[in-house]
Amino acid sequence: MRWPVPGSLRLRFLLAVSLWVMLGIAAIWFSAVGIFSKHVELSYHEELEVHVRELGGLTEIAADGAIVLTRPLSDPRYAEPLSGFYWQVTADGRAPLRSRSMTRGSLDESIAHSPEILHRLDNGPTGPAITYGYTRKWPAGEDIHFVIATDQSELDRLIGSFTRDLTTWLAALAALLLATGYAIISFGLKPLDRLSQAFARLRHGEAEELEGQYPTEIAPLAADLNAYIHQNEAMLARARVQAGNLAHSLRTPLAIITDEAERLEERGECRQAGAVMLDQARTMEQQIEYQLARARSSAGRKPSGQGVVLPALALPILRAMERLHPGKTFTLQLDTDRDKALPLDPVDYAEVLSILLDNAGKWARRDVVLTVASESDGAVTVTIRDDGPGIPEGLIDRAFEVGARFDPAVTGSGLGLAIARDLCDAMGIELVLENGTSGLVATLFSPAGNFE
């Protein structure tokens, strides 16, 4: 399962489920604790009321005037010392009678001032206690006060024990509900994950359309996207054909114009006009070649899906450059311990390397070095250095202009770097030119990624 990331549907659904589960668990906790506490308190109060009545029914005054019980109370806890369950019987002028559990202290008899049974929270021998009491007149006319009490801690202990058990159980239930909710969310969003993977395969050139079967809610979207992809491919194919046809159809009349311009230039009275026409014809020829190169680039062609594998891709290009530029040495240096695979079109990347290496071979005095290095984030940097004169600092920005040539004596059309930059922009990589310690340095910053 994928862990949700900020801004994802999975995280939004998980937060919504978490909020709903927490609210539900909290409502169950508060209501269950409240209901249990109410019933336990009611049970305790009923029990104390029964015991105080039992206490009154068992009390007698002996012949010697002492207060006695005919038998012990039915609850044995009143006989255990400091058990938290106490009773007391008092009468004016007579010694009080207390439960065996009350080994110290006494109960406040002021609660027992009425024939009706009353209760309140009072201080008992071992802390706050729930106290019940009432008064009954003896045949002699004297009042006898019956008081019975239970420590509040006993009630709190029962409620606390229930609360702890309930909290543990509800926490486990909440974790189970959250895990189940996350599993349901992951299962429900799995088609979107498959759609994302299909997009990745399409982007890397591993597929020609969005593949796979999708639920009825997503299937129309996938079908519409496939229809758009096919329509866009057909439109680009027509555009490439039209661009190529237009360029080729212009070459013949352009050649005639160039020929006529050269003839006019040879005539003294038309030399200036012929030179202007010849210059413009050459500019037109450069633009035609440039646009044809762009039409062949990956911006108008489906990627092959093979990817760029370095340095394997560069080795045959280096050997070809050594034959093209005899007397120049082309060297490969590796700052990585294994081949690097990049999600780029190998034809376009090879064309960029060919342009940059050819440019370096033209200007180098002797050595051209191609370096492949891996970055910490998985990206790959390719550097091409030559030991030539470099480019004047003020002219580096113009190096990518169409037709830019800094030395007419060096062969070339002035289109190579412009085409290389367009190809790099289409592939999403960065091309930087700068002067090094000796010669020009061209650097390709390729994105991280591989085909694994």
Protein backbone atom coordinates (compact mmCIF):
# COMPACT_ATOMS: atom_id res chain seq x y z
CA MET A 1 0.00 0.00 0.00
CA ARG A 2 1.15 3.52 -0.76
CA TRP A 3 1.46 5.93 2.18
CA PRO A 4 -0.62 9.08 1.58
CA VAL A 5 1.28 12.24 0.66
CA PRO A 6 0.20 15.87 1.17
CA GLY A 7 -2.42 16.97 -1.33
CA SER A 8 -3.41 13.41 -2.35
CA LEU A 9 -6.94 12.01 -2.46
CA ARG A 10 -5.73 9.13 -0.29
CA LEU A 11 -4.71 11.57 2.47
CA ARG A 12 -8.00 13.50 2.22
CA PHE A 13 -10.08 10.33 2.48
CA LEU A 14 -7.92 9.05 5.33
CA LEU A 15 -8.30 12.32 7.24
CA ALA A 16 -12.07 12.24 6.71
CA VAL A 17 -12.29 8.61 7.87
CA SER A 18 -10.01 9.38 10.84
CA LEU A 19 -12.14 12.34 11.88
CA TRP A 20 -15.35 10.31 11.60
CA VAL A 21 -13.86 7.38 13.55
CA MET A 22 -12.52 9.68 16.28
CA LEU A 23 -15.86 11.48 16.63
CA GLY A 24 -17.70 8.15 16.76
CA ILE A 25 -15.28 6.63 19.28
CA ALA A 26 -15.43 9.78 21.44
CA ALA A 27 -19.23 9.74 21.38
CA ILE A 28 -19.28 6.05 22.36
CA TRP A 29 -16.74 6.67 25.15
CA PHE A 30 -18.57 9.60 26.71
CA SER A 31 -22.00 8.03 26.42
CA ALA A 32 -20.83 4.61 27.71
CA VAL A 33 -18.96 6.11 30.68
CA GLY A 34 -21.92 8.35 31.47
CA ILE A 35 -24.47 5.54 31.28
CA PHE A 36 -22.29 3.14 33.29
CA SER A 37 -21.57 5.77 35.95
CA LYS A 38 -25.25 6.56 36.24
CA HIS A 39 -26.23 2.92 36.65
CA VAL A 40 -23.43 2.16 39.13
CA GLU A 41 -24.30 5.19 41.24
CA LEU A 42 -27.98 4.24 41.15
CA SER A 43 -27.10 0.68 42.19
CA TYR A 44 -24.95 1.94 45.06
CA HIS A 45 -27.66 4.31 46.28
CA GLU A 46 -30.30 1.57 46.12
CA GLU A 47 -27.98 -0.80 48.01
CA LEU A 48 -27.25 1.78 50.72
CA GLU A 49 -30.92 2.58 51.08
CA VAL A 50 -31.71 -1.13 51.51
CA HIS A 51 -28.89 -1.54 54.05
CA VAL A 52 -29.93 1.44 56.11
CA ARG A 53 -33.45 0.08 56.27
CA GLU A 54 -32.03 -3.33 57.19
CA LEU A 55 -29.96 -1.65 59.90
CA GLY A 56 -33.07 -0.03 61.36
CA GLY A 57 -34.96 -3.32 61.33
CA LEU A 58 -32.20 -5.20 63.17
CA THR A 59 -31.64 -2.62 65.89
CA GLU A 60 -33.05 -3.14 69.42
CA ILE A 61 -32.47 -1.71 72.88
CA ALA A 62 -31.43 -4.33 75.37
CA ALA A 63 -32.71 -4.63 78.93
CA ASP A 64 -29.67 -2.82 80.21
CA GLY A 65 -30.39 0.08 77.79
CA ALA A 66 -27.62 -0.72 75.34
CA ILE A 67 -28.17 -0.56 71.58
CA VAL A 68 -27.75 -4.00 69.99
CA LEU A 69 -28.34 -5.78 66.67
CA THR A 70 -30.31 -8.97 66.56
CA ARG A 71 -27.90 -10.25 63.87
CA PRO A 72 -25.08 -8.86 61.66
CA LEU A 73 -25.94 -7.08 58.44
CA SER A 74 -26.20 -9.31 55.39
CA ASP A 75 -23.17 -7.69 53.69
CA PRO A 76 -19.95 -9.09 55.27
CA ARG A 77 -17.93 -6.06 54.18
CA TYR A 78 -19.34 -4.17 57.16
CA ALA A 79 -17.43 -6.56 59.40
CA GLU A 80 -14.00 -6.09 57.77
CA PRO A 81 -11.83 -3.35 59.33
CA LEU A 82 -11.65 -0.15 57.26
CA SER A 83 -13.27 -1.88 54.29
CA GLY A 84 -14.97 1.34 53.20
CA PHE A 85 -18.44 0.09 54.29
CA TYR A 86 -19.61 1.46 57.65
CA TRP A 87 -22.73 1.86 59.78
CA GLN A 88 -23.51 3.63 63.01
CA VAL A 89 -26.52 3.76 65.40
CA THR A 90 -26.79 6.54 68.02
CA ALA A 91 -29.35 7.68 70.55
CA ASP A 92 -29.31 10.46 73.12
CA GLY A 93 -27.83 9.30 76.41
CA ARG A 94 -26.74 5.92 75.07
CA ALA A 95 -23.38 4.64 73.87
CA PRO A 96 -23.19 4.59 70.04
CA LEU A 97 -23.09 1.27 68.24
CA ARG A 98 -20.74 1.06 65.25
CA SER A 99 -19.82 -1.56 62.67
CA ARG A 100 -16.75 -3.70 63.24
CA SER A 101 -15.31 -2.18 60.04
CA MET A 102 -15.14 1.26 61.67
CA THR A 103 -12.05 0.82 63.81
CA ARG A 104 -11.50 4.55 63.87
CA GLY A 105 -13.47 7.74 63.45
CA SER A 106 -17.23 8.09 63.29
CA LEU A 107 -20.07 9.05 60.98
CA ASP A 108 -21.85 12.40 61.15
CA GLU A 109 -25.32 11.63 62.52
CA SER A 110 -26.71 15.00 61.44
CA ILE A 111 -27.80 13.39 58.14
CA ALA A 112 -30.24 11.26 60.20
CA HIS A 113 -32.65 13.92 61.35
CA SER A 114 -35.82 12.89 59.55
CA PRO A 115 -37.99 9.76 59.24
CA GLU A 116 -37.30 10.02 55.51
CA ILE A 117 -34.10 8.46 54.27
CA LEU A 118 -31.69 11.23 53.18
CA HIS A 119 -28.23 11.05 51.65
CA ARG A 120 -25.23 13.26 50.95
CA LEU A 121 -21.49 13.10 50.37
CA ASP A 122 -19.79 13.39 53.74
CA ASN A 123 -16.44 12.62 55.37
CA GLY A 124 -16.06 9.04 56.54
CA PRO A 125 -13.34 7.21 58.46
CA THR A 126 -11.31 6.62 55.29
CA GLY A 127 -12.22 9.63 53.15
CA PRO A 128 -15.24 11.07 51.35
CA ALA A 129 -18.21 8.73 51.69
CA ILE A 130 -21.75 8.44 50.37
CA THR A 131 -23.80 8.65 53.55
CA TYR A 132 -27.44 7.60 54.09
CA GLY A 133 -29.43 8.15 57.28
CA TYR A 134 -32.81 8.45 58.86
CA THR A 135 -34.37 8.74 62.34
CA ARG A 136 -36.88 6.43 63.99
CA LYS A 137 -38.67 7.06 67.28
CA TRP A 138 -38.42 4.35 69.86
CA PRO A 139 -41.53 3.44 71.90
CA ALA A 140 -40.10 5.39 74.79
CA GLY A 141 -40.22 8.47 72.60
CA GLU A 142 -36.51 8.87 72.04
CA ASP A 143 -34.94 9.31 68.58
CA ILE A 144 -32.55 6.69 67.27
CA HIS A 145 -30.29 7.79 64.39
CA PHE A 146 -29.30 5.22 61.76
CA VAL A 147 -26.35 6.14 59.50
CA ILE A 148 -24.71 3.94 56.86
CA ALA A 149 -21.89 4.94 54.47
CA THR A 150 -19.72 3.67 51.63
CA ASP A 151 -16.45 5.27 50.56
CA GLN A 152 -16.75 7.31 47.37
CA SER A 153 -13.45 5.71 46.30
CA GLU A 154 -15.25 2.36 45.93
CA LEU A 155 -17.61 3.89 43.41
CA ASP A 156 -14.74 5.75 41.69
CA ARG A 157 -12.75 2.51 41.53
CA LEU A 158 -15.52 0.68 39.71
CA ILE A 159 -16.08 3.55 37.31
CA GLY A 160 -12.32 3.99 36.78
CA SER A 161 -11.79 0.30 36.08
CA PHE A 162 -14.63 0.30 33.57
CA THR A 163 -13.29 3.49 31.96
CA ARG A 164 -9.80 2.02 31.55
CA ASP A 165 -11.11 -1.21 30.04
CA LEU A 166 -13.47 0.72 27.78
CA THR A 167 -10.68 3.08 26.66
CA THR A 168 -8.39 0.15 25.81
CA TRP A 169 -11.11 -1.64 23.88
CA LEU A 170 -12.22 1.50 22.01
CA ALA A 171 -8.59 2.39 21.17
CA ALA A 172 -8.16 -1.08 19.66
CA LEU A 173 -11.47 -0.67 17.82
CA ALA A 174 -10.38 2.76 16.50
CA ALA A 175 -7.07 1.32 15.26
CA LEU A 176 -8.92 -1.55 13.58
CA LEU A 177 -11.42 0.85 11.98
CA LEU A 178 -8.64 3.14 10.74
CA ALA A 179 -6.69 0.21 9.31
CA THR A 180 -9.85 -1.09 7.65
CA GLY A 181 -10.66 2.38 6.33
CA TYR A 182 -7.17 2.79 4.91
CA ALA A 183 -7.40 -0.65 3.29
CA ILE A 184 -10.77 0.27 1.76
CA ILE A 185 -9.40 3.62 0.54
CA SER A 186 -6.35 1.93 -0.99
CA PHE A 187 -8.53 -0.68 -2.67
CA GLY A 188 -10.94 1.98 -3.94
CA LEU A 189 -8.15 4.19 -5.32
CA LYS A 190 -6.14 1.32 -6.83
CA PRO A 191 -7.57 2.00 -10.32
CA LEU A 192 -6.20 5.55 -10.08
CA ASP A 193 -2.78 4.11 -9.20
CA ARG A 194 -2.98 1.87 -12.25
CA LEU A 195 -4.00 4.89 -14.34
CA SER A 196 -0.98 6.81 -13.01
CA GLN A 197 1.32 3.90 -13.88
CA ALA A 198 -0.21 3.75 -17.36
CA PHE A 199 0.53 7.47 -17.77
CA ALA A 200 4.14 6.85 -16.69
CA ARG A 201 4.53 4.05 -19.26
CA LEU A 202 3.02 6.33 -21.91
CA ARG A 203 5.32 9.21 -20.95
CA HIS A 204 8.41 7.00 -21.05
CA GLY A 205 7.42 5.58 -24.40
CA GLU A 206 6.75 2.08 -23.08
CA ALA A 207 3.15 2.16 -24.35
CA GLU A 208 1.26 3.84 -27.17
CA GLU A 209 -1.93 4.48 -25.20
CA LEU A 210 -3.40 4.13 -21.71
CA GLU A 211 -3.61 0.39 -21.16
CA GLY A 212 -5.76 -1.64 -18.78
CA GLN A 213 -9.36 -2.05 -17.64
CA TYR A 214 -10.86 0.59 -15.33
CA PRO A 215 -14.10 0.98 -13.33
CA THR A 216 -17.08 2.57 -15.02
CA GLU A 217 -16.35 5.91 -13.32
CA ILE A 218 -12.82 6.10 -14.78
CA ALA A 219 -13.21 4.17 -18.04
CA PRO A 220 -14.72 7.14 -19.97
CA LEU A 221 -11.80 9.34 -18.89
CA ALA A 222 -9.24 6.77 -20.06
CA ALA A 223 -11.11 6.32 -23.35
CA ASP A 224 -11.27 10.08 -23.95
CA LEU A 225 -7.57 10.44 -23.16
CA ASN A 226 -6.69 7.64 -25.58
CA ALA A 227 -8.80 9.30 -28.26
CA TYR A 228 -7.03 12.61 -27.59
CA ILE A 229 -3.61 10.90 -27.74
CA HIS A 230 -4.38 9.30 -31.11
CA GLN A 231 -5.82 12.56 -32.44
CA ASN A 232 -2.78 14.49 -31.25
CA GLU A 233 -0.41 11.96 -32.80
CA ALA A 234 -2.25 12.18 -36.11
CA MET A 235 -2.18 15.97 -35.98
CA LEU A 236 1.56 16.01 -35.21
CA ALA A 237 2.24 13.52 -37.98
CA ARG A 238 0.36 15.72 -40.47
CA ALA A 239 2.22 18.78 -39.20
CA ARG A 240 5.59 17.06 -39.66
CA VAL A 241 4.69 15.97 -43.15
CA GLN A 242 3.43 19.44 -44.03
CA ALA A 243 6.53 21.07 -42.56
CA GLY A 244 8.77 18.72 -44.49
CA ASN A 245 6.82 19.20 -47.69
CA LEU A 246 6.91 22.96 -47.29
CA ALA A 247 10.65 22.97 -46.64
CA HIS A 248 11.38 20.70 -49.61
CA SER A 249 9.08 22.67 -51.88
CA LEU A 250 10.96 25.85 -51.00
CA ARG A 251 14.39 24.42 -51.72
CA THR A 252 14.09 24.47 -55.54
CA PRO A 253 12.89 28.10 -55.89
CA LEU A 254 15.39 29.08 -53.18
CA ALA A 255 18.20 27.47 -55.16
CA ILE A 256 17.10 29.44 -58.26
CA ILE A 257 16.98 32.68 -56.25
CA THR A 258 20.46 31.95 -54.85
CA ASP A 259 21.81 31.29 -58.36
CA GLU A 260 20.30 34.50 -59.71
CA ALA A 261 21.63 36.46 -56.73
CA GLU A 262 25.15 35.16 -57.42
CA ARG A 263 24.84 36.24 -61.06
CA LEU A 264 23.63 39.69 -60.07
CA GLU A 265 26.52 40.00 -57.64
CA GLU A 266 28.94 39.41 -60.53
CA ARG A 267 27.54 42.43 -62.41
CA GLY A 268 29.02 45.69 -61.33
CA GLU A 269 25.81 47.74 -61.50
CA CYS A 270 23.80 45.08 -59.57
CA ARG A 271 26.46 43.92 -57.14
CA GLN A 272 24.92 45.50 -54.05
CA ALA A 273 21.42 44.21 -54.79
CA GLY A 274 22.82 40.75 -55.57
CA ALA A 275 24.73 40.67 -52.27
CA VAL A 276 21.57 41.56 -50.33
CA MET A 277 19.55 38.88 -52.13
CA LEU A 278 22.29 36.30 -51.62
CA ASP A 279 22.51 37.09 -47.91
CA GLN A 280 18.74 36.77 -47.48
CA ALA A 281 18.66 33.54 -49.48
CA ARG A 282 21.30 32.03 -47.19
CA THR A 283 19.28 33.14 -44.15
CA MET A 284 16.19 31.46 -45.62
CA GLU A 285 18.20 28.29 -46.22
CA GLN A 286 19.36 28.29 -42.60
CA GLN A 287 15.80 28.65 -41.36
CA ILE A 288 14.59 25.82 -43.59
CA GLU A 289 17.32 23.50 -42.33
CA TYR A 290 16.60 24.53 -38.75
CA GLN A 291 12.86 23.90 -39.05
CA LEU A 292 13.47 20.53 -40.72
CA ALA A 293 15.71 19.54 -37.81
CA ARG A 294 13.04 20.59 -35.34
CA ALA A 295 10.43 18.60 -37.26
CA ARG A 296 12.60 15.51 -36.77
CA SER A 297 13.01 16.10 -33.04
CA SER A 298 11.19 14.24 -30.26
CA ALA A 299 8.69 17.05 -29.92
CA GLY A 300 7.05 15.65 -33.01
CA ARG A 301 7.87 11.94 -32.62
CA LYS A 302 6.75 9.29 -30.17
CA PRO A 303 9.59 8.30 -27.83
CA SER A 304 11.02 4.87 -28.47
CA GLY A 305 10.76 3.80 -24.82
CA GLN A 306 14.29 2.34 -24.83
CA GLY A 307 15.79 5.12 -22.74
CA VAL A 308 19.30 6.54 -22.72
CA VAL A 309 21.98 4.26 -21.28
CA LEU A 310 25.26 5.99 -20.51
CA PRO A 311 28.07 5.62 -21.32
CA ALA A 312 27.08 2.92 -23.88
CA LEU A 313 25.30 5.51 -26.03
CA ALA A 314 28.34 7.80 -26.18
CA LEU A 315 30.99 5.23 -27.20
CA PRO A 316 30.06 4.85 -30.91
CA ILE A 317 29.65 8.63 -31.20
CA LEU A 318 33.15 9.17 -29.83
CA ARG A 319 34.61 6.66 -32.31
CA ALA A 320 32.77 8.40 -35.17
CA MET A 321 34.11 11.81 -34.06
CA GLU A 322 37.70 10.51 -34.07
CA ARG A 323 37.25 9.54 -37.74
CA LEU A 324 35.51 12.84 -38.54
CA HIS A 325 38.22 14.94 -36.85
CA PRO A 326 41.56 13.17 -37.47
CA GLY A 327 44.35 14.32 -35.23
CA LYS A 328 41.97 15.04 -32.37
CA THR A 329 41.67 12.77 -29.32
CA PHE A 330 38.22 12.03 -27.87
CA THR A 331 38.36 10.61 -24.33
CA LEU A 332 35.63 9.19 -22.08
CA GLN A 333 35.84 9.64 -18.30
CA LEU A 334 33.40 7.99 -15.85
CA ASP A 335 32.60 9.28 -12.36
CA THR A 336 30.02 6.53 -11.80
CA ASP A 337 30.51 2.83 -11.06
CA ARG A 338 27.63 1.53 -13.20
CA ASP A 339 25.59 2.35 -16.29
CA LYS A 340 23.00 5.06 -15.86
CA ALA A 341 19.57 4.75 -17.51
CA LEU A 342 17.63 7.95 -18.19
CA PRO A 343 13.98 8.22 -19.35
CA LEU A 344 14.92 10.14 -22.51
CA ASP A 345 14.74 9.47 -26.22
CA PRO A 346 18.09 7.91 -27.25
CA VAL A 347 17.92 9.26 -30.82
CA ASP A 348 17.51 12.86 -29.70
CA TYR A 349 20.10 12.50 -26.93
CA ALA A 350 22.58 10.98 -29.39
CA GLU A 351 21.98 13.89 -31.75
CA VAL A 352 22.68 16.38 -28.94
CA LEU A 353 25.93 14.58 -28.06
CA SER A 354 26.93 14.46 -31.73
CA ILE A 355 26.35 18.20 -32.15
CA LEU A 356 28.30 19.10 -29.00
CA LEU A 357 31.17 16.70 -29.70
CA ASP A 358 31.39 17.83 -33.34
CA ASN A 359 31.45 21.46 -32.22
CA ALA A 360 34.19 20.66 -29.68
CA GLY A 361 36.16 18.73 -32.34
CA LYS A 362 36.09 21.72 -34.71
CA TRP A 363 37.51 24.12 -32.13
CA ALA A 364 39.77 21.84 -30.05
CA ARG A 365 43.53 22.04 -30.53
CA ARG A 366 44.04 18.40 -29.63
CA ASP A 367 41.85 16.94 -26.83
CA VAL A 368 38.11 16.59 -26.23
CA VAL A 369 36.97 14.95 -22.97
CA LEU A 370 33.45 13.62 -22.32
CA THR A 371 32.69 13.04 -18.61
CA VAL A 372 29.67 11.15 -17.21
CA ALA A 373 29.01 11.79 -13.50
CA SER A 374 26.21 10.74 -11.12
CA GLU A 375 24.69 13.24 -8.72
CA SER A 376 23.49 12.43 -5.19
CA ASP A 377 19.82 12.69 -6.21
CA GLY A 378 20.23 10.17 -9.03
CA ALA A 379 20.57 12.75 -11.82
CA VAL A 380 23.34 12.48 -14.41
CA THR A 381 25.66 15.25 -15.55
CA VAL A 382 27.44 14.95 -18.89
CA THR A 383 30.30 17.38 -19.52
CA ILE A 384 32.13 17.96 -22.83
CA ARG A 385 35.43 19.90 -22.59
CA ASP A 386 37.78 20.96 -25.32
CA ASP A 387 41.17 22.70 -25.23
CA GLY A 388 40.24 25.27 -27.86
CA PRO A 389 40.06 29.07 -27.60
CA GLY A 390 36.54 29.10 -26.12
CA ILE A 391 33.96 31.82 -26.78
CA PRO A 392 34.40 35.46 -25.75
CA GLU A 393 32.36 36.08 -22.61
CA GLY A 394 30.16 38.68 -24.25
CA LEU A 395 29.19 36.28 -27.05
CA ILE A 396 28.29 33.12 -25.07
CA ASP A 397 24.61 34.14 -24.83
CA ARG A 398 24.47 34.41 -28.64
CA ALA A 399 25.88 30.93 -29.21
CA PHE A 400 22.38 29.39 -29.33
CA GLU A 401 21.03 31.81 -31.92
CA VAL A 402 20.10 30.41 -35.32
CA GLY A 403 22.98 31.00 -37.74
CA ALA A 404 25.41 32.21 -35.07
CA ARG A 405 29.00 31.73 -36.32
CA PHE A 406 32.01 33.31 -34.62
CA ASP A 407 34.68 32.33 -37.19
CA PRO A 408 33.67 32.04 -40.86
CA ALA A 409 36.89 30.12 -41.50
CA VAL A 410 35.54 27.18 -39.48
CA THR A 411 33.07 25.06 -41.41
CA GLY A 412 29.48 24.94 -40.21
CA SER A 413 25.98 26.29 -40.73
CA GLY A 414 25.50 27.98 -37.34
CA LEU A 415 22.51 25.72 -36.60
CA GLY A 416 24.02 22.98 -34.42
CA LEU A 417 23.82 24.62 -30.98
CA ALA A 418 20.37 26.07 -31.72
CA ILE A 419 19.10 22.59 -32.66
CA ALA A 420 20.82 21.06 -29.61
CA ARG A 421 19.12 23.56 -27.30
CA ASP A 422 15.68 22.85 -28.82
CA LEU A 423 16.21 19.11 -28.42
CA CYS A 424 17.27 19.59 -24.79
CA ASP A 425 14.20 21.72 -24.09
CA ALA A 426 11.98 19.03 -25.64
CA MET A 427 13.58 16.34 -23.44
CA GLY A 428 13.48 18.45 -20.29
CA ILE A 429 17.23 18.65 -19.73
CA GLU A 430 19.40 21.73 -19.26
CA LEU A 431 22.26 22.68 -21.59
CA VAL A 432 24.83 25.18 -20.30
CA LEU A 433 27.85 26.66 -22.11
CA GLU A 434 30.73 28.28 -20.25
CA ASN A 435 34.40 28.93 -20.66
CA GLY A 436 36.64 26.62 -18.65
CA THR A 437 40.26 26.99 -17.65
CA SER A 438 41.19 26.03 -21.20
CA GLY A 439 38.55 25.89 -23.87
CA LEU A 440 34.75 25.63 -23.88
CA VAL A 441 32.70 23.48 -21.46
CA ALA A 442 29.25 22.21 -22.47
CA THR A 443 27.24 20.61 -19.63
CA LEU A 444 24.06 18.53 -19.88
CA PHE A 445 22.08 18.29 -16.64
CA SER A 446 19.84 15.24 -17.14
CA PRO A 447 16.92 14.44 -14.81
CA ALA A 448 16.95 11.51 -12.40
CA GLY A 449 15.10 8.37 -13.40
CA ASN A 450 15.55 4.91 -14.84
CA PHE A 451 13.73 2.05 -16.46
CA GLU A 452 13.70 -0.67 -13.80
